[in-house]
Amino acid sequence: MAHSFDIRHGELIDVIGSPVRFEDVTFVPASTRLTGTSFSAQFNLIDWAREQQRKLPAIVRGDENAAWFLGRLIYLFNTENVAEDERMEKTCFDVSFVAILSDASNLAVPFDCSDHYGRTSLMFSSDDEPPLGLRSRIADAFYGLMLDEPDSLTDYDNRMFHSGTGFWIEFGVSHGEPYFDEGSDADT
């Protein structure tokens, strides 16, 4: 039996990975198009945890949590470790999902998950923005999934140029431990 989905607050272009369900929300890696022209980061992981009064495990390592987060994304969704020259400037990763809410007649809401200099956040459409309650529900389930078994990571390595300092940031997961370290000078 085929499922029908009610896609709102953005567009689904193509499914690019296997779904993972957490509680009553299924997350599907997808190529999406958010509607609008100006997008802002919302639900910063650290701010979200503070608002939820949730203590993050030590492995998350504070503000610069993108190395851990990408290790979880690769582990859970087989997300690609995209090279620095193929990503948006100032990011370690940028992935899109559709959140399918099974108890809401299979309402499907596209969103992006990315970072800015290592600080992970979510983005939703700016035109036809989902209501705050819906965005919060998606963020709660998505971050809940990411924090369920937080030590289950895939090893990888990558780098990002920090234009403000002129240094490379080396980041990744090595032997199950995330790292986010200032590397070499851009001139070397």
C-alpha atoms as a PDB file:
ATOM      1  CA  MET A   1       0.000   0.000   0.000  1.00  0.00           C
ATOM      2  CA  ALA A   2       1.467   3.341  -1.053  1.00  0.00           C
ATOM      3  CA  HIS A   3       1.540   6.222   1.405  1.00  0.00           C
ATOM      4  CA  SER A   4       0.468   9.674   0.345  1.00  0.00           C
ATOM      5  CA  PHE A   5       2.163  12.680   1.860  1.00  0.00           C
ATOM      6  CA  ASP A   6       0.916  16.205   2.347  1.00  0.00           C
ATOM      7  CA  ILE A   7       4.041  18.257   1.591  1.00  0.00           C
ATOM      8  CA  ARG A   8       3.815  21.784   2.988  1.00  0.00           C
ATOM      9  CA  HIS A   9       6.140  24.696   3.725  1.00  0.00           C
ATOM     10  CA  GLY A  10       8.600  23.836   0.935  1.00  0.00           C
ATOM     11  CA  GLU A  11       9.144  21.383  -1.897  1.00  0.00           C
ATOM     12  CA  LEU A  12      10.385  17.808  -2.055  1.00  0.00           C
ATOM     13  CA  ILE A  13      12.528  17.308  -5.154  1.00  0.00           C
ATOM     14  CA  ASP A  14      13.882  13.816  -4.558  1.00  0.00           C
ATOM     15  CA  VAL A  15      14.450  11.297  -1.786  1.00  0.00           C
ATOM     16  CA  ILE A  16      18.197  10.646  -1.495  1.00  0.00           C
ATOM     17  CA  GLY A  17      18.464   8.310   1.481  1.00  0.00           C
ATOM     18  CA  SER A  18      16.773   5.885   3.790  1.00  0.00           C
ATOM     19  CA  PRO A  19      14.289   7.154   6.374  1.00  0.00           C
ATOM     20  CA  VAL A  20      14.846   6.948  10.115  1.00  0.00           C
ATOM     21  CA  ARG A  21      11.933   7.157  12.521  1.00  0.00           C
ATOM     22  CA  PHE A  22      12.118   8.668  15.998  1.00  0.00           C
ATOM     23  CA  GLU A  23       9.002   8.716  18.135  1.00  0.00           C
ATOM     24  CA  ASP A  24       6.196   9.781  15.759  1.00  0.00           C
ATOM     25  CA  VAL A  25       8.364  11.612  13.194  1.00  0.00           C
ATOM     26  CA  THR A  26      10.181  10.020  10.265  1.00  0.00           C
ATOM     27  CA  PHE A  27      13.182  11.868   8.841  1.00  0.00           C
ATOM     28  CA  VAL A  28      13.982  11.325   5.178  1.00  0.00           C
ATOM     29  CA  PRO A  29      17.232  12.644   3.641  1.00  0.00           C
ATOM     30  CA  ALA A  30      16.072  14.515   0.570  1.00  0.00           C
ATOM     31  CA  SER A  31      16.780  17.105  -2.023  1.00  0.00           C
ATOM     32  CA  THR A  32      14.384  19.913  -1.111  1.00  0.00           C
ATOM     33  CA  ARG A  33      13.634  23.531  -1.896  1.00  0.00           C
ATOM     34  CA  LEU A  34      12.729  25.830   0.947  1.00  0.00           C
ATOM     35  CA  THR A  35      10.504  28.701  -0.100  1.00  0.00           C
ATOM     36  CA  GLY A  36      11.656  32.260   0.369  1.00  0.00           C
ATOM     37  CA  THR A  37      14.753  34.303  -0.254  1.00  0.00           C
ATOM     38  CA  SER A  38      16.123  34.941   3.206  1.00  0.00           C
ATOM     39  CA  PHE A  39      16.693  32.046   5.574  1.00  0.00           C
ATOM     40  CA  SER A  40      17.835  32.278   9.158  1.00  0.00           C
ATOM     41  CA  ALA A  41      19.279  29.660  11.441  1.00  0.00           C
ATOM     42  CA  GLN A  42      16.796  28.503  14.060  1.00  0.00           C
ATOM     43  CA  PHE A  43      16.927  26.016  16.894  1.00  0.00           C
ATOM     44  CA  ASN A  44      20.669  26.217  17.473  1.00  0.00           C
ATOM     45  CA  LEU A  45      21.533  22.881  19.128  1.00  0.00           C
ATOM     46  CA  ILE A  46      23.083  24.447  22.235  1.00  0.00           C
ATOM     47  CA  ASP A  47      20.236  26.956  22.687  1.00  0.00           C
ATOM     48  CA  TRP A  48      17.669  24.202  22.114  1.00  0.00           C
ATOM     49  CA  ALA A  49      19.277  21.993  24.789  1.00  0.00           C
ATOM     50  CA  ARG A  50      19.347  24.902  27.249  1.00  0.00           C
ATOM     51  CA  GLU A  51      15.670  25.721  26.587  1.00  0.00           C
ATOM     52  CA  GLN A  52      14.738  22.048  26.981  1.00  0.00           C
ATOM     53  CA  GLN A  53      16.802  21.894  30.179  1.00  0.00           C
ATOM     54  CA  ARG A  54      18.622  18.995  28.612  1.00  0.00           C
ATOM     55  CA  LYS A  55      22.226  18.311  29.503  1.00  0.00           C
ATOM     56  CA  LEU A  56      24.188  17.431  26.389  1.00  0.00           C
ATOM     57  CA  PRO A  57      26.611  14.505  26.606  1.00  0.00           C
ATOM     58  CA  ALA A  58      30.293  15.429  26.864  1.00  0.00           C
ATOM     59  CA  ILE A  59      30.955  14.060  23.375  1.00  0.00           C
ATOM     60  CA  VAL A  60      28.957  16.951  21.838  1.00  0.00           C
ATOM     61  CA  ARG A  61      31.686  19.383  23.014  1.00  0.00           C
ATOM     62  CA  GLY A  62      29.788  22.668  23.237  1.00  0.00           C
ATOM     63  CA  ASP A  63      29.259  25.325  20.600  1.00  0.00           C
ATOM     64  CA  GLU A  64      31.468  23.832  17.914  1.00  0.00           C
ATOM     65  CA  ASN A  65      29.436  20.647  17.650  1.00  0.00           C
ATOM     66  CA  ALA A  66      29.326  20.179  13.853  1.00  0.00           C
ATOM     67  CA  ALA A  67      32.067  17.530  13.864  1.00  0.00           C
ATOM     68  CA  TRP A  68      30.012  15.361  16.230  1.00  0.00           C
ATOM     69  CA  PHE A  69      26.772  16.169  14.421  1.00  0.00           C
ATOM     70  CA  LEU A  70      28.108  15.168  11.001  1.00  0.00           C
ATOM     71  CA  GLY A  71      29.496  11.953  12.499  1.00  0.00           C
ATOM     72  CA  ARG A  72      25.963  11.161  13.706  1.00  0.00           C
ATOM     73  CA  LEU A  73      24.406  12.103  10.354  1.00  0.00           C
ATOM     74  CA  ILE A  74      26.819   9.830   8.481  1.00  0.00           C
ATOM     75  CA  TYR A  75      26.133   7.026  10.967  1.00  0.00           C
ATOM     76  CA  LEU A  76      22.327   7.351  10.896  1.00  0.00           C
ATOM     77  CA  PHE A  77      21.637   8.410   7.314  1.00  0.00           C
ATOM     78  CA  ASN A  78      24.840   7.584   5.401  1.00  0.00           C
ATOM     79  CA  THR A  79      25.128  11.313   4.720  1.00  0.00           C
ATOM     80  CA  GLU A  80      28.034  12.302   2.501  1.00  0.00           C
ATOM     81  CA  ASN A  81      31.175  13.881   3.925  1.00  0.00           C
ATOM     82  CA  VAL A  82      31.249  16.729   1.383  1.00  0.00           C
ATOM     83  CA  ALA A  83      34.643  18.288   0.631  1.00  0.00           C
ATOM     84  CA  GLU A  84      35.318  21.887   1.699  1.00  0.00           C
ATOM     85  CA  ASP A  85      35.299  23.264  -1.853  1.00  0.00           C
ATOM     86  CA  GLU A  86      31.820  21.773  -2.482  1.00  0.00           C
ATOM     87  CA  ARG A  87      30.096  23.241   0.616  1.00  0.00           C
ATOM     88  CA  MET A  88      28.710  26.657   1.391  1.00  0.00           C
ATOM     89  CA  GLU A  89      31.308  28.998   2.868  1.00  0.00           C
ATOM     90  CA  LYS A  90      31.739  28.824   6.672  1.00  0.00           C
ATOM     91  CA  THR A  91      30.012  25.434   7.013  1.00  0.00           C
ATOM     92  CA  CYS A  92      31.080  21.898   7.865  1.00  0.00           C
ATOM     93  CA  PHE A  93      27.925  20.358   6.435  1.00  0.00           C
ATOM     94  CA  ASP A  94      24.570  21.231   4.880  1.00  0.00           C
ATOM     95  CA  VAL A  95      21.904  18.539   4.522  1.00  0.00           C
ATOM     96  CA  SER A  96      18.186  18.578   3.777  1.00  0.00           C
ATOM     97  CA  PHE A  97      15.414  16.424   5.161  1.00  0.00           C
ATOM     98  CA  VAL A  98      11.698  15.997   5.038  1.00  0.00           C
ATOM     99  CA  ALA A  99      10.070  15.418   8.421  1.00  0.00           C
ATOM    100  CA  ILE A 100       6.971  13.240   8.104  1.00  0.00           C
ATOM    101  CA  LEU A 101       4.565  13.479  11.029  1.00  0.00           C
ATOM    102  CA  SER A 102       2.665  10.207  11.031  1.00  0.00           C
ATOM    103  CA  ASP A 103      -0.009  11.366  13.460  1.00  0.00           C
ATOM    104  CA  ALA A 104      -0.806  14.430  11.332  1.00  0.00           C
ATOM    105  CA  SER A 105      -2.047  12.656   8.189  1.00  0.00           C
ATOM    106  CA  ASN A 106       1.540  12.210   6.963  1.00  0.00           C
ATOM    107  CA  LEU A 107       2.254  15.928   6.902  1.00  0.00           C
ATOM    108  CA  ALA A 108       5.719  16.326   5.346  1.00  0.00           C
ATOM    109  CA  VAL A 109       7.812  19.419   6.093  1.00  0.00           C
ATOM    110  CA  PRO A 110      11.163  20.090   4.381  1.00  0.00           C
ATOM    111  CA  PHE A 111      13.977  21.616   6.439  1.00  0.00           C
ATOM    112  CA  ASP A 112      17.718  22.100   6.238  1.00  0.00           C
ATOM    113  CA  CYS A 113      20.289  21.267   8.864  1.00  0.00           C
ATOM    114  CA  SER A 114      23.608  23.068   8.684  1.00  0.00           C
ATOM    115  CA  ASP A 115      26.174  24.868  10.769  1.00  0.00           C
ATOM    116  CA  HIS A 116      27.941  28.199  10.837  1.00  0.00           C
ATOM    117  CA  TYR A 117      31.550  27.843  11.958  1.00  0.00           C
ATOM    118  CA  GLY A 118      30.668  24.600  13.726  1.00  0.00           C
ATOM    119  CA  ARG A 119      27.420  25.671  15.435  1.00  0.00           C
ATOM    120  CA  THR A 120      24.561  23.426  14.290  1.00  0.00           C
ATOM    121  CA  SER A 121      21.085  24.824  13.567  1.00  0.00           C
ATOM    122  CA  LEU A 122      17.981  24.129  11.511  1.00  0.00           C
ATOM    123  CA  MET A 123      16.377  26.230   8.767  1.00  0.00           C
ATOM    124  CA  PHE A 124      12.811  26.275   7.504  1.00  0.00           C
ATOM    125  CA  SER A 125      11.092  28.115   4.659  1.00  0.00           C
ATOM    126  CA  SER A 126      10.916  31.861   5.217  1.00  0.00           C
ATOM    127  CA  ASP A 127       7.869  32.295   2.959  1.00  0.00           C
ATOM    128  CA  ASP A 128       5.049  30.034   4.121  1.00  0.00           C
ATOM    129  CA  GLU A 129       7.035  29.347   7.298  1.00  0.00           C
ATOM    130  CA  PRO A 130       5.722  26.429   9.349  1.00  0.00           C
ATOM    131  CA  PRO A 131       4.046  27.529  12.596  1.00  0.00           C
ATOM    132  CA  LEU A 132       6.384  27.717  15.593  1.00  0.00           C
ATOM    133  CA  GLY A 133       4.734  24.715  17.261  1.00  0.00           C
ATOM    134  CA  LEU A 134       5.380  22.549  14.197  1.00  0.00           C
ATOM    135  CA  ARG A 135       8.986  23.742  13.868  1.00  0.00           C
ATOM    136  CA  SER A 136       9.538  23.052  17.578  1.00  0.00           C
ATOM    137  CA  ARG A 137       8.092  19.567  17.280  1.00  0.00           C
ATOM    138  CA  ILE A 138      10.389  18.759  14.356  1.00  0.00           C
ATOM    139  CA  ALA A 139      13.429  20.191  16.171  1.00  0.00           C
ATOM    140  CA  ASP A 140      12.596  18.238  19.341  1.00  0.00           C
ATOM    141  CA  ALA A 141      12.304  14.945  17.454  1.00  0.00           C
ATOM    142  CA  PHE A 142      15.334  15.568  15.220  1.00  0.00           C
ATOM    143  CA  TYR A 143      17.641  16.538  18.057  1.00  0.00           C
ATOM    144  CA  GLY A 144      16.161  13.728  20.162  1.00  0.00           C
ATOM    145  CA  LEU A 145      17.156  11.281  17.415  1.00  0.00           C
ATOM    146  CA  MET A 146      20.644  12.751  17.187  1.00  0.00           C
ATOM    147  CA  LEU A 147      21.117  12.528  20.967  1.00  0.00           C
ATOM    148  CA  ASP A 148      19.796   8.967  21.187  1.00  0.00           C
ATOM    149  CA  GLU A 149      22.997   6.878  21.322  1.00  0.00           C
ATOM    150  CA  PRO A 150      25.275   9.947  20.953  1.00  0.00           C
ATOM    151  CA  ASP A 151      28.463   7.841  20.922  1.00  0.00           C
ATOM    152  CA  SER A 152      27.406   6.011  17.737  1.00  0.00           C
ATOM    153  CA  LEU A 153      29.463   7.926  15.179  1.00  0.00           C
ATOM    154  CA  THR A 154      31.163   7.271  11.874  1.00  0.00           C
ATOM    155  CA  ASP A 155      34.817   8.279  11.579  1.00  0.00           C
ATOM    156  CA  TYR A 156      35.684  10.854   8.903  1.00  0.00           C
ATOM    157  CA  ASP A 157      37.955  13.844   8.389  1.00  0.00           C
ATOM    158  CA  ASN A 158      37.488  17.173   6.651  1.00  0.00           C
ATOM    159  CA  ARG A 159      38.403  20.838   6.895  1.00  0.00           C
ATOM    160  CA  MET A 160      36.914  24.316   6.636  1.00  0.00           C
ATOM    161  CA  PHE A 161      38.606  27.632   5.959  1.00  0.00           C
ATOM    162  CA  HIS A 162      37.965  30.192   8.708  1.00  0.00           C
ATOM    163  CA  SER A 163      38.065  33.423   6.706  1.00  0.00           C
ATOM    164  CA  GLY A 164      38.043  35.601   9.834  1.00  0.00           C
ATOM    165  CA  THR A 165      41.333  34.165  11.107  1.00  0.00           C
ATOM    166  CA  GLY A 166      42.984  33.001   7.890  1.00  0.00           C
ATOM    167  CA  PHE A 167      43.368  29.469   9.277  1.00  0.00           C
ATOM    168  CA  TRP A 168      41.986  26.099   8.319  1.00  0.00           C
ATOM    169  CA  ILE A 169      39.807  24.282  10.833  1.00  0.00           C
ATOM    170  CA  GLU A 170      40.455  20.547  10.800  1.00  0.00           C
ATOM    171  CA  PHE A 171      37.375  18.627  11.927  1.00  0.00           C
ATOM    172  CA  GLY A 172      35.983  15.125  11.970  1.00  0.00           C
ATOM    173  CA  VAL A 173      35.704  12.004  14.077  1.00  0.00           C
ATOM    174  CA  SER A 174      38.716   9.792  14.781  1.00  0.00           C
ATOM    175  CA  HIS A 175      38.283   6.482  16.622  1.00  0.00           C
ATOM    176  CA  GLY A 176      34.853   7.640  17.819  1.00  0.00           C
ATOM    177  CA  GLU A 177      36.106  11.011  19.149  1.00  0.00           C
ATOM    178  CA  PRO A 178      35.040  14.269  17.461  1.00  0.00           C
ATOM    179  CA  TYR A 179      37.641  16.984  16.923  1.00  0.00           C
ATOM    180  CA  PHE A 180      37.419  20.608  15.757  1.00  0.00           C
ATOM    181  CA  ASP A 181      40.892  22.148  15.746  1.00  0.00           C
ATOM    182  CA  GLU A 182      42.537  25.190  14.250  1.00  0.00           C
ATOM    183  CA  GLY A 183      44.907  23.843  11.652  1.00  0.00           C
ATOM    184  CA  SER A 184      47.442  25.423   9.382  1.00  0.00           C
ATOM    185  CA  ASP A 185      47.759  28.952   8.087  1.00  0.00           C
ATOM    186  CA  ALA A 186      46.062  29.442   4.712  1.00  0.00           C
ATOM    187  CA  ASP A 187      49.404  30.415   3.153  1.00  0.00           C
ATOM    188  CA  THR A 188      51.071  27.107   4.016  1.00  0.00           C
END
